Structures are given as C-alpha cells and as structure tokens.
Amino acid sequence: MTLVKALQMIQPFKAMPYHEVAEAQLCAAALRGKRELHRAAYRIRDAFAAYEYAVTYGKRD
C-alpha cells in the first residue's frame, strides 16, 4: 500500500475531527514501512467509521 492510497482511504472522513492528525499518523507510519502503513490505514479508517456511526445513530437524550 502506498501513502497516496492510504490517504484516499480516509478521504471520505475529511470533515471529521482530528483528520489532520490522522494524515500525520499515516505519514509517520509510511516511514516505518508498508506493513505499518497498511495497519495504520485500516485502523484509522475503522475508527472514523465507528465514530461516524456513533454520532449518526447513537442514543440522543
């Protein structure tokens, strides 16, 4: 996986808080190698998806 591909994976979540931090984490992971970049990209994407789901469908009082 390349850094460009990893950044494209989190592109749909650009409006989310901490998106810039996630991009920086992907850049740092890319320096550590392809495997670390792959892990980080999927971990960040899953975290953003879970956050979006919680905000959208979470319990509101």
PDB file of N, CA and C in Angstrom:
ATOM      1  N   MET A   1       0.850  -1.166   0.000  1.00  0.00           N
ATOM      2  CA  MET A   1       0.000   0.000   0.000  1.00  0.00           C
ATOM      3  C   MET A   1       0.904   1.241   0.000  1.00  0.00           C
ATOM      4  N   THR A   2       0.486   2.214  -0.758  1.00  0.00           N
ATOM      5  CA  THR A   2       1.249   3.459  -0.824  1.00  0.00           C
ATOM      6  C   THR A   2       0.595   4.509   0.060  1.00  0.00           C
ATOM      7  N   LEU A   3       1.332   5.553   0.344  1.00  0.00           N
ATOM      8  CA  LEU A   3       0.800   6.627   1.172  1.00  0.00           C
ATOM      9  C   LEU A   3      -0.389   7.302   0.496  1.00  0.00           C
ATOM     10  N   VAL A   4      -0.331   7.444  -0.810  1.00  0.00           N
ATOM     11  CA  VAL A   4      -1.434   8.074  -1.548  1.00  0.00           C
ATOM     12  C   VAL A   4      -2.703   7.240  -1.392  1.00  0.00           C
ATOM     13  N   LYS A   5      -2.577   5.936  -1.516  1.00  0.00           N
ATOM     14  CA  LYS A   5      -3.731   5.045  -1.379  1.00  0.00           C
ATOM     15  C   LYS A   5      -4.294   5.106   0.047  1.00  0.00           C
ATOM     16  N   ALA A   6      -3.412   5.153   1.023  1.00  0.00           N
ATOM     17  CA  ALA A   6      -3.852   5.237   2.420  1.00  0.00           C
ATOM     18  C   ALA A   6      -4.591   6.549   2.680  1.00  0.00           C
ATOM     19  N   LEU A   7      -4.086   7.634   2.133  1.00  0.00           N
ATOM     20  CA  LEU A   7      -4.760   8.921   2.312  1.00  0.00           C
ATOM     21  C   LEU A   7      -6.114   8.942   1.610  1.00  0.00           C
ATOM     22  N   GLN A   8      -6.222   8.235   0.492  1.00  0.00           N
ATOM     23  CA  GLN A   8      -7.506   8.146  -0.208  1.00  0.00           C
ATOM     24  C   GLN A   8      -8.531   7.360   0.607  1.00  0.00           C
ATOM     25  N   MET A   9      -8.047   6.410   1.399  1.00  0.00           N
ATOM     26  CA  MET A   9      -8.955   5.605   2.219  1.00  0.00           C
ATOM     27  C   MET A   9      -9.679   6.453   3.261  1.00  0.00           C
ATOM     28  N   ILE A  10      -9.008   7.467   3.791  1.00  0.00           N
ATOM     29  CA  ILE A  10      -9.636   8.284   4.834  1.00  0.00           C
ATOM     30  C   ILE A  10     -10.209   9.580   4.279  1.00  0.00           C
ATOM     31  N   GLN A  11     -10.146   9.764   2.977  1.00  0.00           N
ATOM     32  CA  GLN A  11     -10.668  10.983   2.335  1.00  0.00           C
ATOM     33  C   GLN A  11     -12.153  11.210   2.603  1.00  0.00           C
ATOM     34  N   PRO A  12     -13.017  10.166   2.616  1.00  0.00           N
ATOM     35  CA  PRO A  12     -14.448  10.416   2.883  1.00  0.00           C
ATOM     36  C   PRO A  12     -14.718  10.996   4.270  1.00  0.00           C
ATOM     37  N   PHE A  13     -13.750  10.904   5.163  1.00  0.00           N
ATOM     38  CA  PHE A  13     -13.933  11.382   6.529  1.00  0.00           C
ATOM     39  C   PHE A  13     -13.241  12.719   6.757  1.00  0.00           C
ATOM     40  N   LYS A  14     -13.052  13.495   5.714  1.00  0.00           N
ATOM     41  CA  LYS A  14     -12.313  14.751   5.795  1.00  0.00           C
ATOM     42  C   LYS A  14     -12.960  15.749   6.755  1.00  0.00           C
ATOM     43  N   ALA A  15     -14.266  15.700   6.921  1.00  0.00           N
ATOM     44  CA  ALA A  15     -14.964  16.644   7.796  1.00  0.00           C
ATOM     45  C   ALA A  15     -14.894  16.238   9.271  1.00  0.00           C
ATOM     46  N   MET A  16     -14.388  15.064   9.546  1.00  0.00           N
ATOM     47  CA  MET A  16     -14.313  14.578  10.926  1.00  0.00           C
ATOM     48  C   MET A  16     -13.240  15.317  11.720  1.00  0.00           C
ATOM     49  N   PRO A  17     -13.447  15.403  13.031  1.00  0.00           N
ATOM     50  CA  PRO A  17     -12.388  15.999  13.858  1.00  0.00           C
ATOM     51  C   PRO A  17     -11.137  15.114  13.832  1.00  0.00           C
ATOM     52  N   TYR A  18      -9.994  15.726  13.963  1.00  0.00           N
ATOM     53  CA  TYR A  18      -8.697  15.055  14.011  1.00  0.00           C
ATOM     54  C   TYR A  18      -8.280  14.421  12.682  1.00  0.00           C
ATOM     55  N   HIS A  19      -8.865  14.858  11.586  1.00  0.00           N
ATOM     56  CA  HIS A  19      -8.477  14.320  10.283  1.00  0.00           C
ATOM     57  C   HIS A  19      -7.024  14.656   9.969  1.00  0.00           C
ATOM     58  N   GLU A  20      -6.591  15.856  10.335  1.00  0.00           N
ATOM     59  CA  GLU A  20      -5.205  16.264  10.071  1.00  0.00           C
ATOM     60  C   GLU A  20      -4.231  15.399  10.873  1.00  0.00           C
ATOM     61  N   VAL A  21      -4.624  15.052  12.087  1.00  0.00           N
ATOM     62  CA  VAL A  21      -3.790  14.188  12.922  1.00  0.00           C
ATOM     63  C   VAL A  21      -3.684  12.803  12.290  1.00  0.00           C
ATOM     64  N   ALA A  22      -4.780  12.314  11.752  1.00  0.00           N
ATOM     65  CA  ALA A  22      -4.772  11.007  11.101  1.00  0.00           C
ATOM     66  C   ALA A  22      -3.845  11.014   9.885  1.00  0.00           C
ATOM     67  N   GLU A  23      -3.869  12.100   9.119  1.00  0.00           N
ATOM     68  CA  GLU A  23      -2.968  12.202   7.974  1.00  0.00           C
ATOM     69  C   GLU A  23      -1.514  12.186   8.427  1.00  0.00           C
ATOM     70  N   ALA A  24      -1.222  12.889   9.508  1.00  0.00           N
ATOM     71  CA  ALA A  24       0.145  12.912  10.039  1.00  0.00           C
ATOM     72  C   ALA A  24       0.551  11.527  10.533  1.00  0.00           C
ATOM     73  N   GLN A  25      -0.370  10.800  11.147  1.00  0.00           N
ATOM     74  CA  GLN A  25      -0.066   9.446  11.610  1.00  0.00           C
ATOM     75  C   GLN A  25       0.224   8.521  10.443  1.00  0.00           C
ATOM     76  N   LEU A  26      -0.496   8.699   9.344  1.00  0.00           N
ATOM     77  CA  LEU A  26      -0.233   7.875   8.160  1.00  0.00           C
ATOM     78  C   LEU A  26       1.142   8.183   7.572  1.00  0.00           C
ATOM     79  N   CYS A  27       1.503   9.449   7.567  1.00  0.00           N
ATOM     80  CA  CYS A  27       2.832   9.826   7.066  1.00  0.00           C
ATOM     81  C   CYS A  27       3.926   9.214   7.930  1.00  0.00           C
ATOM     82  N   ALA A  28       3.736   9.232   9.230  1.00  0.00           N
ATOM     83  CA  ALA A  28       4.717   8.637  10.144  1.00  0.00           C
ATOM     84  C   ALA A  28       4.771   7.123   9.970  1.00  0.00           C
ATOM     85  N   ALA A  29       3.625   6.501   9.767  1.00  0.00           N
ATOM     86  CA  ALA A  29       3.594   5.052   9.567  1.00  0.00           C
ATOM     87  C   ALA A  29       4.268   4.665   8.251  1.00  0.00           C
ATOM     88  N   ALA A  30       4.148   5.519   7.250  1.00  0.00           N
ATOM     89  CA  ALA A  30       4.773   5.229   5.955  1.00  0.00           C
ATOM     90  C   ALA A  30       6.295   5.175   6.089  1.00  0.00           C
ATOM     91  N   LEU A  31       6.828   5.951   6.997  1.00  0.00           N
ATOM     92  CA  LEU A  31       8.278   5.934   7.208  1.00  0.00           C
ATOM     93  C   LEU A  31       8.743   4.634   7.850  1.00  0.00           C
ATOM     94  N   ARG A  32       7.843   3.961   8.550  1.00  0.00           N
ATOM     95  CA  ARG A  32       8.188   2.715   9.225  1.00  0.00           C
ATOM     96  C   ARG A  32       8.009   1.480   8.336  1.00  0.00           C
ATOM     97  N   GLY A  33       7.403   1.664   7.166  1.00  0.00           N
ATOM     98  CA  GLY A  33       7.282   0.537   6.240  1.00  0.00           C
ATOM     99  C   GLY A  33       5.866   0.299   5.766  1.00  0.00           C
ATOM    100  N   LYS A  34       5.765  -0.560   4.748  1.00  0.00           N
ATOM    101  CA  LYS A  34       4.465  -0.823   4.130  1.00  0.00           C
ATOM    102  C   LYS A  34       3.497  -1.525   5.071  1.00  0.00           C
ATOM    103  N   ARG A  35       4.000  -2.455   5.855  1.00  0.00           N
ATOM    104  CA  ARG A  35       3.112  -3.197   6.755  1.00  0.00           C
ATOM    105  C   ARG A  35       2.513  -2.275   7.809  1.00  0.00           C
ATOM    106  N   GLU A  36       3.341  -1.420   8.381  1.00  0.00           N
ATOM    107  CA  GLU A  36       2.852  -0.475   9.393  1.00  0.00           C
ATOM    108  C   GLU A  36       1.871   0.515   8.778  1.00  0.00           C
ATOM    109  N   LEU A  37       2.136   0.959   7.557  1.00  0.00           N
ATOM    110  CA  LEU A  37       1.223   1.868   6.868  1.00  0.00           C
ATOM    111  C   LEU A  37      -0.117   1.192   6.629  1.00  0.00           C
ATOM    112  N   HIS A  38      -0.087  -0.047   6.203  1.00  0.00           N
ATOM    113  CA  HIS A  38      -1.311  -0.802   5.949  1.00  0.00           C
ATOM    114  C   HIS A  38      -2.132  -0.934   7.222  1.00  0.00           C
ATOM    115  N   ARG A  39      -1.476  -1.312   8.312  1.00  0.00           N
ATOM    116  CA  ARG A  39      -2.172  -1.440   9.597  1.00  0.00           C
ATOM    117  C   ARG A  39      -2.776  -0.118  10.047  1.00  0.00           C
ATOM    118  N   ALA A  40      -1.993   0.933   9.944  1.00  0.00           N
ATOM    119  CA  ALA A  40      -2.460   2.250  10.389  1.00  0.00           C
ATOM    120  C   ALA A  40      -3.636   2.734   9.544  1.00  0.00           C
ATOM    121  N   ALA A  41      -3.572   2.533   8.248  1.00  0.00           N
ATOM    122  CA  ALA A  41      -4.639   2.998   7.360  1.00  0.00           C
ATOM    123  C   ALA A  41      -5.971   2.332   7.700  1.00  0.00           C
ATOM    124  N   TYR A  42      -5.955   1.027   7.877  1.00  0.00           N
ATOM    125  CA  TYR A  42      -7.197   0.328   8.194  1.00  0.00           C
ATOM    126  C   TYR A  42      -7.674   0.643   9.604  1.00  0.00           C
ATOM    127  N   ARG A  43      -6.755   0.789  10.548  1.00  0.00           N
ATOM    128  CA  ARG A  43      -7.125   1.129  11.919  1.00  0.00           C
ATOM    129  C   ARG A  43      -7.788   2.510  11.977  1.00  0.00           C
ATOM    130  N   ILE A  44      -7.216   3.476  11.273  1.00  0.00           N
ATOM    131  CA  ILE A  44      -7.762   4.833  11.266  1.00  0.00           C
ATOM    132  C   ILE A  44      -9.107   4.870  10.545  1.00  0.00           C
ATOM    133  N   ARG A  45      -9.196   4.172   9.417  1.00  0.00           N
ATOM    134  CA  ARG A  45     -10.464   4.138   8.690  1.00  0.00           C
ATOM    135  C   ARG A  45     -11.578   3.523   9.537  1.00  0.00           C
ATOM    136  N   ASP A  46     -11.262   2.436  10.225  1.00  0.00           N
ATOM    137  CA  ASP A  46     -12.263   1.789  11.079  1.00  0.00           C
ATOM    138  C   ASP A  46     -12.676   2.689  12.248  1.00  0.00           C
ATOM    139  N   ALA A  47     -11.714   3.415  12.797  1.00  0.00           N
ATOM    140  CA  ALA A  47     -12.027   4.324  13.903  1.00  0.00           C
ATOM    141  C   ALA A  47     -12.936   5.455  13.434  1.00  0.00           C
ATOM    142  N   PHE A  48     -12.650   6.015  12.273  1.00  0.00           N
ATOM    143  CA  PHE A  48     -13.503   7.069  11.741  1.00  0.00           C
ATOM    144  C   PHE A  48     -14.901   6.536  11.435  1.00  0.00           C
ATOM    145  N   ALA A  49     -14.988   5.342  10.883  1.00  0.00           N
ATOM    146  CA  ALA A  49     -16.290   4.755  10.564  1.00  0.00           C
ATOM    147  C   ALA A  49     -17.100   4.506  11.841  1.00  0.00           C
ATOM    148  N   ALA A  50     -16.440   4.015  12.894  1.00  0.00           N
ATOM    149  CA  ALA A  50     -17.135   3.775  14.160  1.00  0.00           C
ATOM    150  C   ALA A  50     -17.607   5.086  14.776  1.00  0.00           C
ATOM    151  N   TYR A  51     -16.771   6.113  14.701  1.00  0.00           N
ATOM    152  CA  TYR A  51     -17.151   7.427  15.241  1.00  0.00           C
ATOM    153  C   TYR A  51     -18.348   7.986  14.473  1.00  0.00           C
ATOM    154  N   GLU A  52     -18.294   7.885  13.150  1.00  0.00           N
ATOM    155  CA  GLU A  52     -19.397   8.391  12.335  1.00  0.00           C
ATOM    156  C   GLU A  52     -20.700   7.654  12.647  1.00  0.00           C
ATOM    157  N   TYR A  53     -20.619   6.343  12.815  1.00  0.00           N
ATOM    158  CA  TYR A  53     -21.799   5.557  13.148  1.00  0.00           C
ATOM    159  C   TYR A  53     -22.356   5.972  14.506  1.00  0.00           C
ATOM    160  N   ALA A  54     -21.466   6.153  15.486  1.00  0.00           N
ATOM    161  CA  ALA A  54     -21.907   6.534  16.828  1.00  0.00           C
ATOM    162  C   ALA A  54     -22.566   7.909  16.824  1.00  0.00           C
ATOM    163  N   VAL A  55     -22.005   8.830  16.071  1.00  0.00           N
ATOM    164  CA  VAL A  55     -22.583  10.186  16.003  1.00  0.00           C
ATOM    165  C   VAL A  55     -23.923  10.167  15.275  1.00  0.00           C
ATOM    166  N   THR A  56     -24.007   9.389  14.229  1.00  0.00           N
ATOM    167  CA  THR A  56     -25.231   9.348  13.421  1.00  0.00           C
ATOM    168  C   THR A  56     -26.357   8.585  14.089  1.00  0.00           C
ATOM    169  N   TYR A  57     -26.034   7.408  14.644  1.00  0.00           N
ATOM    170  CA  TYR A  57     -27.084   6.528  15.154  1.00  0.00           C
ATOM    171  C   TYR A  57     -27.056   6.371  16.664  1.00  0.00           C
ATOM    172  N   GLY A  58     -26.232   7.111  17.338  1.00  0.00           N
ATOM    173  CA  GLY A  58     -26.125   6.990  18.790  1.00  0.00           C
ATOM    174  C   GLY A  58     -27.356   7.477  19.508  1.00  0.00           C
ATOM    175  N   LYS A  59     -27.467   7.085  20.763  1.00  0.00           N
ATOM    176  CA  LYS A  59     -28.604   7.481  21.583  1.00  0.00           C
ATOM    177  C   LYS A  59     -28.520   8.966  21.885  1.00  0.00           C
ATOM    178  N   ARG A  60     -29.624   9.649  21.697  1.00  0.00           N
ATOM    179  CA  ARG A  60     -29.682  11.090  21.974  1.00  0.00           C
ATOM    180  C   ARG A  60     -30.680  11.334  23.095  1.00  0.00           C
ATOM    181  N   ASP A  61     -30.249  12.070  24.085  1.00  0.00           N
ATOM    182  CA  ASP A  61     -31.142  12.362  25.227  1.00  0.00           C
ATOM    183  C   ASP A  61     -31.722  13.743  25.101  1.00  0.00           C
TER     184      ASP A  61
END
